[in-house]
Amino acid sequence: MRAFKGISTVAHTTASGTQEVSAAAEEQLASMEEMSSSFHAVTHMAEGMQELVSRFRV
């Protein structure tokens, strides 16, 4: 009976750890998506600035 309780405890601990890893992975994915969005916004602004600056070249 102790062996079954031990296995159950290990299974619960593993499941809990898996959930924590999954949550961390989701947070990382959200952060990466936010960085990608910011990168695209900055790229778009830089392109607009290049276009404006090119008008003033002599």
PDB file of N, CA and C in Angstrom:
ATOM      1  N   MET A   1       0.819  -1.185   0.000  1.00  0.00           N
ATOM      2  CA  MET A   1       0.000   0.000   0.000  1.00  0.00           C
ATOM      3  C   MET A   1       0.872   1.261   0.000  1.00  0.00           C
ATOM      4  N   ARG A   2       1.989   1.208   0.724  1.00  0.00           N
ATOM      5  CA  ARG A   2       2.902   2.351   0.753  1.00  0.00           C
ATOM      6  C   ARG A   2       3.434   2.671  -0.639  1.00  0.00           C
ATOM      7  N   ALA A   3       3.689   1.625  -1.401  1.00  0.00           N
ATOM      8  CA  ALA A   3       4.226   1.818  -2.749  1.00  0.00           C
ATOM      9  C   ALA A   3       3.224   2.592  -3.602  1.00  0.00           C
ATOM     10  N   PHE A   4       1.943   2.262  -3.474  1.00  0.00           N
ATOM     11  CA  PHE A   4       0.928   2.964  -4.245  1.00  0.00           C
ATOM     12  C   PHE A   4       0.825   4.420  -3.825  1.00  0.00           C
ATOM     13  N   LYS A   5       0.928   4.672  -2.526  1.00  0.00           N
ATOM     14  CA  LYS A   5       0.889   6.054  -2.041  1.00  0.00           C
ATOM     15  C   LYS A   5       2.107   6.823  -2.550  1.00  0.00           C
ATOM     16  N   GLY A   6       3.242   6.156  -2.555  1.00  0.00           N
ATOM     17  CA  GLY A   6       4.460   6.787  -3.062  1.00  0.00           C
ATOM     18  C   GLY A   6       4.341   7.116  -4.537  1.00  0.00           C
ATOM     19  N   ILE A   7       3.796   6.185  -5.303  1.00  0.00           N
ATOM     20  CA  ILE A   7       3.602   6.415  -6.733  1.00  0.00           C
ATOM     21  C   ILE A   7       2.617   7.556  -6.951  1.00  0.00           C
ATOM     22  N   SER A   8       1.562   7.573  -6.159  1.00  0.00           N
ATOM     23  CA  SER A   8       0.561   8.631  -6.261  1.00  0.00           C
ATOM     24  C   SER A   8       1.176   9.989  -5.952  1.00  0.00           C
ATOM     25  N   THR A   9       1.996  10.040  -4.927  1.00  0.00           N
ATOM     26  CA  THR A   9       2.662  11.287  -4.556  1.00  0.00           C
ATOM     27  C   THR A   9       3.580  11.763  -5.679  1.00  0.00           C
ATOM     28  N   VAL A  10       4.344  10.858  -6.232  1.00  0.00           N
ATOM     29  CA  VAL A  10       5.242  11.201  -7.338  1.00  0.00           C
ATOM     30  C   VAL A  10       4.440  11.683  -8.542  1.00  0.00           C
ATOM     31  N   ALA A  11       3.334  11.027  -8.840  1.00  0.00           N
ATOM     32  CA  ALA A  11       2.496  11.411  -9.971  1.00  0.00           C
ATOM     33  C   ALA A  11       1.929  12.812  -9.770  1.00  0.00           C
ATOM     34  N   HIS A  12       1.459  13.103  -8.571  1.00  0.00           N
ATOM     35  CA  HIS A  12       0.925  14.440  -8.284  1.00  0.00           C
ATOM     36  C   HIS A  12       2.018  15.501  -8.369  1.00  0.00           C
ATOM     37  N   THR A  13       3.184  15.186  -7.855  1.00  0.00           N
ATOM     38  CA  THR A  13       4.303  16.131  -7.905  1.00  0.00           C
ATOM     39  C   THR A  13       4.709  16.395  -9.350  1.00  0.00           C
ATOM     40  N   THR A  14       4.761  15.348 -10.146  1.00  0.00           N
ATOM     41  CA  THR A  14       5.112  15.491 -11.553  1.00  0.00           C
ATOM     42  C   THR A  14       4.068  16.309 -12.296  1.00  0.00           C
ATOM     43  N   ALA A  15       2.790  16.046 -12.013  1.00  0.00           N
ATOM     44  CA  ALA A  15       1.713  16.797 -12.659  1.00  0.00           C
ATOM     45  C   ALA A  15       1.787  18.273 -12.291  1.00  0.00           C
ATOM     46  N   SER A  16       2.066  18.537 -11.041  1.00  0.00           N
ATOM     47  CA  SER A  16       2.187  19.925 -10.589  1.00  0.00           C
ATOM     48  C   SER A  16       3.358  20.611 -11.284  1.00  0.00           C
ATOM     49  N   GLY A  17       4.474  19.930 -11.375  1.00  0.00           N
ATOM     50  CA  GLY A  17       5.647  20.489 -12.054  1.00  0.00           C
ATOM     51  C   GLY A  17       5.375  20.726 -13.522  1.00  0.00           C
ATOM     52  N   THR A  18       4.648  19.817 -14.143  1.00  0.00           N
ATOM     53  CA  THR A  18       4.305  19.964 -15.553  1.00  0.00           C
ATOM     54  C   THR A  18       3.426  21.185 -15.768  1.00  0.00           C
ATOM     55  N   GLN A  19       2.475  21.405 -14.869  1.00  0.00           N
ATOM     56  CA  GLN A  19       1.604  22.574 -14.968  1.00  0.00           C
ATOM     57  C   GLN A  19       2.400  23.868 -14.820  1.00  0.00           C
ATOM     58  N   GLU A  20       3.371  23.875 -13.926  1.00  0.00           N
ATOM     59  CA  GLU A  20       4.206  25.060 -13.735  1.00  0.00           C
ATOM     60  C   GLU A  20       5.039  25.341 -14.983  1.00  0.00           C
ATOM     61  N   VAL A  21       5.586  24.304 -15.575  1.00  0.00           N
ATOM     62  CA  VAL A  21       6.387  24.463 -16.793  1.00  0.00           C
ATOM     63  C   VAL A  21       5.498  24.963 -17.932  1.00  0.00           C
ATOM     64  N   SER A  22       4.316  24.416 -18.027  1.00  0.00           N
ATOM     65  CA  SER A  22       3.374  24.839 -19.065  1.00  0.00           C
ATOM     66  C   SER A  22       3.008  26.312 -18.897  1.00  0.00           C
ATOM     67  N   ALA A  23       2.750  26.733 -17.669  1.00  0.00           N
ATOM     68  CA  ALA A  23       2.416  28.141 -17.407  1.00  0.00           C
ATOM     69  C   ALA A  23       3.591  29.047 -17.762  1.00  0.00           C
ATOM     70  N   ALA A  24       4.787  28.627 -17.413  1.00  0.00           N
ATOM     71  CA  ALA A  24       5.975  29.422 -17.740  1.00  0.00           C
ATOM     72  C   ALA A  24       6.164  29.521 -19.246  1.00  0.00           C
ATOM     73  N   ALA A  25       5.914  28.433 -19.954  1.00  0.00           N
ATOM     74  CA  ALA A  25       6.048  28.434 -21.419  1.00  0.00           C
ATOM     75  C   ALA A  25       5.022  29.377 -22.041  1.00  0.00           C
ATOM     76  N   GLU A  26       3.808  29.387 -21.503  1.00  0.00           N
ATOM     77  CA  GLU A  26       2.781  30.296 -22.015  1.00  0.00           C
ATOM     78  C   GLU A  26       3.175  31.751 -21.788  1.00  0.00           C
ATOM     79  N   GLU A  27       3.754  32.043 -20.628  1.00  0.00           N
ATOM     80  CA  GLU A  27       4.220  33.404 -20.343  1.00  0.00           C
ATOM     81  C   GLU A  27       5.338  33.805 -21.304  1.00  0.00           C
ATOM     82  N   GLN A  28       6.249  32.888 -21.569  1.00  0.00           N
ATOM     83  CA  GLN A  28       7.336  33.185 -22.495  1.00  0.00           C
ATOM     84  C   GLN A  28       6.801  33.431 -23.895  1.00  0.00           C
ATOM     85  N   LEU A  29       5.833  32.635 -24.319  1.00  0.00           N
ATOM     86  CA  LEU A  29       5.245  32.813 -25.637  1.00  0.00           C
ATOM     87  C   LEU A  29       4.563  34.177 -25.734  1.00  0.00           C
ATOM     88  N   ALA A  30       3.826  34.559 -24.692  1.00  0.00           N
ATOM     89  CA  ALA A  30       3.167  35.861 -24.693  1.00  0.00           C
ATOM     90  C   ALA A  30       4.197  36.984 -24.764  1.00  0.00           C
ATOM     91  N   SER A  31       5.289  36.848 -24.034  1.00  0.00           N
ATOM     92  CA  SER A  31       6.352  37.856 -24.067  1.00  0.00           C
ATOM     93  C   SER A  31       6.989  37.940 -25.444  1.00  0.00           C
ATOM     94  N   MET A  32       7.216  36.800 -26.060  1.00  0.00           N
ATOM     95  CA  MET A  32       7.816  36.783 -27.396  1.00  0.00           C
ATOM     96  C   MET A  32       6.878  37.418 -28.416  1.00  0.00           C
ATOM     97  N   GLU A  33       5.591  37.156 -28.286  1.00  0.00           N
ATOM     98  CA  GLU A  33       4.622  37.763 -29.202  1.00  0.00           C
ATOM     99  C   GLU A  33       4.585  39.280 -29.016  1.00  0.00           C
ATOM    100  N   GLU A  34       4.678  39.719 -27.765  1.00  0.00           N
ATOM    101  CA  GLU A  34       4.701  41.158 -27.481  1.00  0.00           C
ATOM    102  C   GLU A  34       5.958  41.804 -28.058  1.00  0.00           C
ATOM    103  N   MET A  35       7.104  41.138 -27.910  1.00  0.00           N
ATOM    104  CA  MET A  35       8.344  41.668 -28.470  1.00  0.00           C
ATOM    105  C   MET A  35       8.271  41.730 -29.987  1.00  0.00           C
ATOM    106  N   SER A  36       7.697  40.705 -30.597  1.00  0.00           N
ATOM    107  CA  SER A  36       7.557  40.689 -32.052  1.00  0.00           C
ATOM    108  C   SER A  36       6.676  41.839 -32.520  1.00  0.00           C
ATOM    109  N   SER A  37       5.591  42.065 -31.817  1.00  0.00           N
ATOM    110  CA  SER A  37       4.699  43.167 -32.169  1.00  0.00           C
ATOM    111  C   SER A  37       5.413  44.509 -32.029  1.00  0.00           C
ATOM    112  N   SER A  38       6.171  44.665 -30.952  1.00  0.00           N
ATOM    113  CA  SER A  38       6.928  45.899 -30.743  1.00  0.00           C
ATOM    114  C   SER A  38       7.978  46.082 -31.832  1.00  0.00           C
ATOM    115  N   PHE A  39       8.640  45.006 -32.209  1.00  0.00           N
ATOM    116  CA  PHE A  39       9.651  45.059 -33.262  1.00  0.00           C
ATOM    117  C   PHE A  39       9.030  45.542 -34.566  1.00  0.00           C
ATOM    118  N   HIS A  40       7.870  44.987 -34.901  1.00  0.00           N
ATOM    119  CA  HIS A  40       7.206  45.387 -36.148  1.00  0.00           C
ATOM    120  C   HIS A  40       6.779  46.853 -36.092  1.00  0.00           C
ATOM    121  N   ALA A  41       6.307  47.303 -34.931  1.00  0.00           N
ATOM    122  CA  ALA A  41       5.899  48.702 -34.795  1.00  0.00           C
ATOM    123  C   ALA A  41       7.103  49.632 -34.964  1.00  0.00           C
ATOM    124  N   VAL A  42       8.230  49.282 -34.340  1.00  0.00           N
ATOM    125  CA  VAL A  42       9.435  50.103 -34.451  1.00  0.00           C
ATOM    126  C   VAL A  42       9.949  50.095 -35.893  1.00  0.00           C
ATOM    127  N   THR A  43       9.902  48.947 -36.540  1.00  0.00           N
ATOM    128  CA  THR A  43      10.322  48.858 -37.934  1.00  0.00           C
ATOM    129  C   THR A  43       9.465  49.761 -38.811  1.00  0.00           C
ATOM    130  N   HIS A  44       8.169  49.738 -38.585  1.00  0.00           N
ATOM    131  CA  HIS A  44       7.251  50.583 -39.358  1.00  0.00           C
ATOM    132  C   HIS A  44       7.566  52.065 -39.117  1.00  0.00           C
ATOM    133  N   MET A  45       7.818  52.442 -37.861  1.00  0.00           N
ATOM    134  CA  MET A  45       8.165  53.835 -37.559  1.00  0.00           C
ATOM    135  C   MET A  45       9.480  54.228 -38.219  1.00  0.00           C
ATOM    136  N   ALA A  46      10.468  53.341 -38.194  1.00  0.00           N
ATOM    137  CA  ALA A  46      11.771  53.630 -38.809  1.00  0.00           C
ATOM    138  C   ALA A  46      11.629  53.824 -40.311  1.00  0.00           C
ATOM    139  N   GLU A  47      10.804  53.003 -40.942  1.00  0.00           N
ATOM    140  CA  GLU A  47      10.587  53.159 -42.381  1.00  0.00           C
ATOM    141  C   GLU A  47       9.940  54.507 -42.684  1.00  0.00           C
ATOM    142  N   GLY A  48       8.975  54.898 -41.853  1.00  0.00           N
ATOM    143  CA  GLY A  48       8.337  56.201 -42.038  1.00  0.00           C
ATOM    144  C   GLY A  48       9.311  57.341 -41.848  1.00  0.00           C
ATOM    145  N   MET A  49      10.179  57.207 -40.854  1.00  0.00           N
ATOM    146  CA  MET A  49      11.178  58.245 -40.609  1.00  0.00           C
ATOM    147  C   MET A  49      12.160  58.327 -41.770  1.00  0.00           C
ATOM    148  N   GLN A  50      12.567  57.185 -42.309  1.00  0.00           N
ATOM    149  CA  GLN A  50      13.481  57.189 -43.454  1.00  0.00           C
ATOM    150  C   GLN A  50      12.846  57.912 -44.637  1.00  0.00           C
ATOM    151  N   GLU A  51      11.580  57.667 -44.848  1.00  0.00           N
ATOM    152  CA  GLU A  51      10.883  58.321 -45.948  1.00  0.00           C
ATOM    153  C   GLU A  51      10.855  59.836 -45.734  1.00  0.00           C
ATOM    154  N   LEU A  52      10.568  60.268 -44.511  1.00  0.00           N
ATOM    155  CA  LEU A  52      10.529  61.702 -44.231  1.00  0.00           C
ATOM    156  C   LEU A  52      11.905  62.348 -44.364  1.00  0.00           C
ATOM    157  N   VAL A  53      12.927  61.696 -43.847  1.00  0.00           N
ATOM    158  CA  VAL A  53      14.286  62.236 -43.903  1.00  0.00           C
ATOM    159  C   VAL A  53      14.770  62.307 -45.348  1.00  0.00           C
ATOM    160  N   SER A  54      14.378  61.349 -46.170  1.00  0.00           N
ATOM    161  CA  SER A  54      14.845  61.347 -47.556  1.00  0.00           C
ATOM    162  C   SER A  54      14.329  62.570 -48.331  1.00  0.00           C
ATOM    163  N   ARG A  55      13.283  63.167 -47.896  1.00  0.00           N
ATOM    164  CA  ARG A  55      12.730  64.341 -48.545  1.00  0.00           C
ATOM    165  C   ARG A  55      13.637  65.578 -48.340  1.00  0.00           C
ATOM    166  N   PHE A  56      14.432  65.552 -47.279  1.00  0.00           N
ATOM    167  CA  PHE A  56      15.231  66.710 -46.935  1.00  0.00           C
ATOM    168  C   PHE A  56      16.689  66.618 -47.376  1.00  0.00           C
ATOM    169  N   ARG A  57      17.042  65.560 -48.057  1.00  0.00           N
ATOM    170  CA  ARG A  57      18.418  65.393 -48.493  1.00  0.00           C
ATOM    171  C   ARG A  57      18.703  66.376 -49.639  1.00  0.00           C
ATOM    172  N   VAL A  58      19.887  66.948 -49.586  1.00  0.00           N
ATOM    173  CA  VAL A  58      20.280  67.947 -50.598  1.00  0.00           C
ATOM    174  C   VAL A  58      21.239  67.319 -51.580  1.00  0.00           C
TER     175      VAL A  58
END
